[in-house]
């Protein structure tokens, strides 16, 4: 039986206060009466989420949580106490983010990126919003230029801190981002540089010349969507280009150059026109 996960368990016996379910090793867990399915039979299998109650006892529920153990999710802070912050995971029991797992004090009503994990000393589900405590700093299995999956952790003045492949800490710099970004977003990225401290600088577009093809394709698609004419030129402001295409002016100019050389577009004074 795995705490913090969905488990398929057998309905073993019934009492006035609920059901008792067992796993294949005959370990028993309690399902309170309010979570019982409308129809059931003893001996049937039932999928439940196994967690701790307020006393630390192992119980289960048929409610569907937002997040399971060893997963990241944006969770709303329900309460702040001297021992830590309580986050809503979608079931009746909130999860504790202890003070030691915070690098700032959360505010009630706001959402934060939380990693849920099983504390092996207490055998309780807990959370952390301080990702420095749960990430590695030796990314020897990642190379510059490699495609990676990222989760946006939080914003800073110079950019966004991110989790790379759910294992390492990274950074996306603000001057290299040309699309809206929010905490908790999951995005595809590319390793730009691995620093001496093991942190990873990430780009949202392929580095170097590989990105020329991507930007050209994106521009051509935008022209087609605009009925064959896009009112952007090499004299357009970087902000206009970023708002319309989510790319830098440098990538825009390279992409336009590629399309022009391939005779796919016509350069006009007021914009780009597709060639039939």
Protein backbone atom coordinates (compact mmCIF):
# COMPACT_ATOMS: atom_id res chain seq x y z
CA UNK A 1 0.00 0.00 0.00
CA UNK A 2 1.50 3.31 -1.08
CA UNK A 3 0.81 6.50 0.86
CA UNK A 4 0.19 9.49 -1.38
CA UNK A 5 -0.84 7.36 -4.35
CA UNK A 6 -3.94 5.81 -5.81
CA UNK A 7 -4.27 2.20 -4.66
CA UNK A 8 -6.69 -0.46 -5.87
CA UNK A 9 -7.79 -2.24 -2.70
CA UNK A 10 -10.35 -4.92 -1.81
CA UNK A 11 -13.40 -4.08 0.33
CA UNK A 12 -12.86 -6.40 3.28
CA UNK A 13 -15.46 -5.49 5.89
CA UNK A 14 -18.10 -2.91 6.74
CA UNK A 15 -18.87 -1.10 10.01
CA UNK A 16 -21.24 1.67 11.05
CA UNK A 17 -18.53 4.28 10.56
CA UNK A 18 -17.17 3.11 7.20
CA UNK A 19 -15.39 0.43 5.22
CA UNK A 20 -12.11 -1.36 5.80
CA UNK A 21 -10.07 -2.15 2.69
CA UNK A 22 -7.05 -4.45 2.35
CA UNK A 23 -4.17 -4.76 -0.10
CA UNK A 24 -2.66 -8.01 -1.41
CA UNK A 25 -0.58 -8.32 1.77
CA UNK A 26 -3.70 -8.01 3.97
CA UNK A 27 -2.70 -4.52 5.19
CA UNK A 28 -5.92 -2.78 6.24
CA UNK A 29 -6.93 0.86 5.77
CA UNK A 30 -10.08 2.75 6.79
CA UNK A 31 -12.45 4.49 4.36
CA UNK A 32 -14.80 6.85 6.27
CA UNK A 33 -18.52 6.43 5.68
CA UNK A 34 -18.91 9.77 3.86
CA UNK A 35 -16.57 8.54 1.09
CA UNK A 36 -18.30 5.20 0.49
CA UNK A 37 -19.52 4.58 -3.08
CA UNK A 38 -23.29 4.42 -3.53
CA UNK A 39 -23.14 0.79 -4.61
CA UNK A 40 -20.54 -1.78 -3.55
CA UNK A 41 -20.10 -5.38 -2.48
CA UNK A 42 -17.70 -6.97 -0.06
CA UNK A 43 -14.77 -8.50 -1.92
CA UNK A 44 -14.90 -5.93 -4.74
CA UNK A 45 -11.92 -3.78 -5.72
CA UNK A 46 -12.07 -0.03 -5.16
CA UNK A 47 -9.60 2.64 -6.26
CA UNK A 48 -8.82 5.05 -3.42
CA UNK A 49 -6.23 7.69 -2.54
CA UNK A 50 -4.24 6.72 0.57
CA UNK A 51 -3.10 9.53 2.88
CA UNK A 52 -2.71 10.56 6.54
CA UNK A 53 -5.53 11.94 8.65
CA UNK A 54 -5.04 14.80 11.15
CA UNK A 55 -3.75 12.31 13.73
CA UNK A 56 -1.20 10.87 11.32
CA UNK A 57 -3.11 7.61 10.84
CA UNK A 58 -3.22 6.00 7.38
CA UNK A 59 -6.70 6.40 5.87
CA UNK A 60 -8.13 6.59 2.37
CA UNK A 61 -10.65 8.58 0.34
CA UNK A 62 -12.50 8.31 -2.96
CA UNK A 63 -11.96 12.04 -3.51
CA UNK A 64 -9.52 12.93 -6.31
CA UNK A 65 -6.51 14.98 -5.13
CA UNK A 66 -4.84 17.67 -7.23
CA UNK A 67 -1.43 16.08 -6.73
CA UNK A 68 0.10 12.75 -5.68
CA UNK A 69 3.39 11.98 -3.93
CA UNK A 70 6.58 13.06 -5.75
CA UNK A 71 4.66 15.44 -8.01
CA UNK A 72 4.73 19.22 -8.48
CA UNK A 73 1.54 21.29 -8.52
CA UNK A 74 0.27 24.82 -7.94
CA UNK A 75 -1.56 24.69 -4.61
CA UNK A 76 -3.56 27.31 -2.74
CA UNK A 77 -2.48 28.26 0.77
CA UNK A 78 -5.40 27.66 3.15
CA UNK A 79 -3.80 28.61 6.48
CA UNK A 80 -0.53 29.79 8.02
CA UNK A 81 0.41 28.62 11.52
CA UNK A 82 3.56 28.62 13.68
CA UNK A 83 4.42 25.11 12.43
CA UNK A 84 3.99 25.91 8.74
CA UNK A 85 1.52 26.55 5.94
CA UNK A 86 -1.38 24.29 4.98
CA UNK A 87 -2.05 23.80 1.26
CA UNK A 88 -5.24 22.59 -0.41
CA UNK A 89 -4.65 19.37 -2.38
CA UNK A 90 -8.30 18.81 -3.27
CA UNK A 91 -9.29 16.44 -0.46
CA UNK A 92 -10.61 17.21 3.02
CA UNK A 93 -7.13 16.95 4.56
CA UNK A 94 -4.74 19.78 3.67
CA UNK A 95 -1.02 19.16 3.35
CA UNK A 96 1.56 20.82 5.61
CA UNK A 97 4.52 22.76 4.24
CA UNK A 98 6.74 22.93 7.36
CA UNK A 99 8.69 26.08 8.18
CA UNK A 100 11.94 24.32 7.23
CA UNK A 101 10.57 23.82 3.71
CA UNK A 102 9.82 27.51 3.17
CA UNK A 103 12.16 30.23 1.90
CA UNK A 104 9.46 32.84 2.56
CA UNK A 105 6.12 32.84 4.37
CA UNK A 106 3.19 32.02 2.06
CA UNK A 107 0.06 34.16 2.06
CA UNK A 108 -3.42 32.70 2.57
CA UNK A 109 -5.39 32.59 -0.70
CA UNK A 110 -2.35 32.65 -2.99
CA UNK A 111 -1.07 29.70 -5.03
CA UNK A 112 2.49 28.37 -4.94
CA UNK A 113 4.45 25.64 -6.69
CA UNK A 114 4.67 22.76 -4.22
CA UNK A 115 6.45 19.42 -4.37
CA UNK A 116 4.62 16.76 -2.36
CA UNK A 117 6.76 14.00 -0.86
CA UNK A 118 6.66 11.35 1.85
CA UNK A 119 8.61 12.22 4.99
CA UNK A 120 10.16 8.87 5.87
CA UNK A 121 10.70 9.77 9.54
CA UNK A 122 7.03 10.50 10.21
CA UNK A 123 5.56 8.53 7.25
CA UNK A 124 3.42 11.60 6.51
CA UNK A 125 2.82 13.46 3.29
CA UNK A 126 4.37 16.92 3.41
CA UNK A 127 5.17 19.62 0.90
CA UNK A 128 7.95 22.04 0.10
CA UNK A 129 8.01 25.38 -1.69
CA UNK A 130 11.80 25.65 -1.31
CA UNK A 131 12.99 23.68 -4.33
CA UNK A 132 16.65 24.11 -3.37
CA UNK A 133 16.03 21.45 -0.69
CA UNK A 134 14.84 18.82 -3.17
CA UNK A 135 16.86 19.37 -6.35
CA UNK A 136 20.25 18.04 -7.41
CA UNK A 137 23.21 20.23 -8.40
CA UNK A 138 25.20 17.77 -10.52
CA UNK A 139 23.44 17.50 -13.90
CA UNK A 140 25.91 15.07 -15.47
CA UNK A 141 23.15 13.51 -17.60
CA UNK A 142 22.33 16.77 -19.45
CA UNK A 143 24.25 18.44 -22.27
CA UNK A 144 24.11 21.99 -23.72
CA UNK A 145 21.59 22.17 -26.56
CA UNK A 146 19.54 19.29 -25.16
CA UNK A 147 15.77 19.57 -25.06
CA UNK A 148 14.38 19.50 -21.52
CA UNK A 149 11.05 19.78 -19.71
CA UNK A 150 10.76 22.71 -17.33
CA UNK A 151 8.36 23.84 -14.61
CA UNK A 152 8.36 27.54 -13.75
CA UNK A 153 9.08 27.93 -10.03
CA UNK A 154 8.94 31.69 -9.39
CA UNK A 155 9.82 35.07 -10.91
CA UNK A 156 12.82 37.24 -10.07
CA UNK A 157 13.83 40.67 -11.36
CA UNK A 158 16.12 39.12 -13.98
CA UNK A 159 13.89 36.22 -15.02
CA UNK A 160 12.32 33.02 -13.74
CA UNK A 161 13.73 30.17 -11.68
CA UNK A 162 12.68 26.81 -13.09
CA UNK A 163 12.83 23.11 -12.33
CA UNK A 164 14.55 21.18 -15.13
CA UNK A 165 13.37 17.61 -15.81
CA UNK A 166 11.84 17.64 -12.30
CA UNK A 167 15.36 17.23 -10.91
CA UNK A 168 17.62 20.27 -11.33
CA UNK A 169 17.38 24.02 -10.75
CA UNK A 170 17.60 26.33 -13.73
CA UNK A 171 17.05 29.89 -14.86
CA UNK A 172 15.32 31.58 -17.79
CA UNK A 173 16.49 35.17 -18.23
CA UNK A 174 13.87 37.82 -18.85
CA UNK A 175 15.62 39.31 -21.91
CA UNK A 176 15.44 35.90 -23.62
CA UNK A 177 11.70 35.35 -23.11
CA UNK A 178 9.18 36.42 -25.75
CA UNK A 179 5.96 34.92 -24.42
CA UNK A 180 3.82 35.16 -21.27
CA UNK A 181 5.12 33.05 -18.36
CA UNK A 182 3.44 32.20 -15.07
CA UNK A 183 4.44 30.20 -12.01
CA UNK A 184 3.66 26.52 -12.41
CA UNK A 185 3.70 26.52 -16.22
CA UNK A 186 5.17 23.42 -17.85
CA UNK A 187 7.20 24.24 -20.95
CA UNK A 188 9.67 22.73 -23.37
CA UNK A 189 13.12 24.31 -23.14
CA UNK A 190 16.69 23.93 -24.32
CA UNK A 191 19.87 23.88 -22.25
CA UNK A 192 21.92 26.98 -23.04
CA UNK A 193 24.66 26.59 -20.43
CA UNK A 194 25.49 24.51 -17.37
CA UNK A 195 27.15 26.71 -14.76
CA UNK A 196 29.94 25.70 -12.39
CA UNK A 197 27.48 25.53 -9.49
CA UNK A 198 25.38 22.99 -11.41
CA UNK A 199 22.54 25.41 -12.19
CA UNK A 200 21.23 25.35 -15.75
CA UNK A 201 20.54 28.35 -17.99
CA UNK A 202 17.56 27.52 -20.20
CA UNK A 203 16.18 28.97 -23.43
CA UNK A 204 12.62 28.55 -24.69
CA UNK A 205 13.84 28.50 -28.31
CA UNK A 206 16.53 26.32 -29.82
CA UNK A 207 19.92 28.00 -29.49
CA UNK A 208 21.99 28.97 -32.51
CA UNK A 209 21.16 28.36 -36.13
CA UNK A 210 18.68 25.56 -35.46
CA UNK A 211 16.15 28.20 -34.42
CA UNK A 212 16.20 29.90 -37.84
CA UNK A 213 14.02 27.17 -39.32
CA UNK A 214 11.61 27.29 -36.38
CA UNK A 215 11.18 31.08 -36.59
CA UNK A 216 10.71 30.98 -40.38
CA UNK A 217 8.01 28.37 -40.05
CA UNK A 218 6.31 30.36 -37.29
CA UNK A 219 6.35 33.57 -39.35
CA UNK A 220 4.97 31.79 -42.42
CA UNK A 221 2.19 30.29 -40.33
CA UNK A 222 1.33 33.74 -38.91
CA UNK A 223 1.16 35.25 -42.42
CA UNK A 224 -1.18 32.49 -43.56
CA UNK A 225 -3.38 33.01 -40.50
CA UNK A 226 -3.53 36.75 -41.31
CA UNK A 227 -4.98 36.10 -44.80
CA UNK A 228 -1.62 36.37 -46.51
CA UNK A 229 -0.33 39.66 -45.11
CA UNK A 230 1.46 40.37 -41.82
CA UNK A 231 2.01 44.06 -40.92
CA UNK A 232 5.53 43.61 -39.55
CA UNK A 233 8.88 44.65 -41.06
CA UNK A 234 12.51 44.89 -39.99
CA UNK A 235 11.66 48.42 -38.81
CA UNK A 236 8.95 47.20 -36.42
CA UNK A 237 9.62 47.67 -32.72
CA UNK A 238 10.88 44.57 -30.84
CA UNK A 239 7.79 44.83 -28.59
CA UNK A 240 5.46 44.59 -31.62
CA UNK A 241 7.28 41.52 -32.92
CA UNK A 242 7.30 39.86 -29.51
CA UNK A 243 3.57 40.52 -28.99
CA UNK A 244 2.63 39.14 -32.41
CA UNK A 245 5.03 36.20 -32.71
CA UNK A 246 6.56 35.54 -29.25
CA UNK A 247 10.08 35.85 -30.65
CA UNK A 248 12.95 38.33 -30.59
CA UNK A 249 13.57 40.83 -33.37
CA UNK A 250 16.82 38.98 -34.18
CA UNK A 251 14.95 35.69 -34.70
CA UNK A 252 12.30 37.54 -36.73
CA UNK A 253 14.89 39.01 -39.10
CA UNK A 254 16.58 35.63 -39.56
CA UNK A 255 13.26 33.95 -40.20
CA UNK A 256 12.20 36.60 -42.72
CA UNK A 257 15.56 36.24 -44.48
CA UNK A 258 15.07 32.49 -44.81
CA UNK A 259 11.55 32.89 -46.23
CA UNK A 260 12.69 35.58 -48.67
CA UNK A 261 15.60 33.49 -49.94
CA UNK A 262 13.22 30.58 -50.50
CA UNK A 263 10.91 32.97 -52.40
CA UNK A 264 8.02 32.24 -50.09
CA UNK A 265 7.26 35.86 -49.17
CA UNK A 266 7.37 39.34 -50.64
CA UNK A 267 8.84 42.20 -48.59
CA UNK A 268 6.60 45.24 -48.78
CA UNK A 269 6.95 48.64 -47.12
CA UNK A 270 4.21 47.91 -44.59
CA UNK A 271 4.70 44.20 -44.04
CA UNK A 272 5.17 40.68 -45.35
CA UNK A 273 3.01 39.15 -48.07
CA UNK A 274 2.90 35.47 -48.93
CA UNK A 275 3.71 34.42 -52.48
CA UNK A 276 1.42 31.94 -54.18
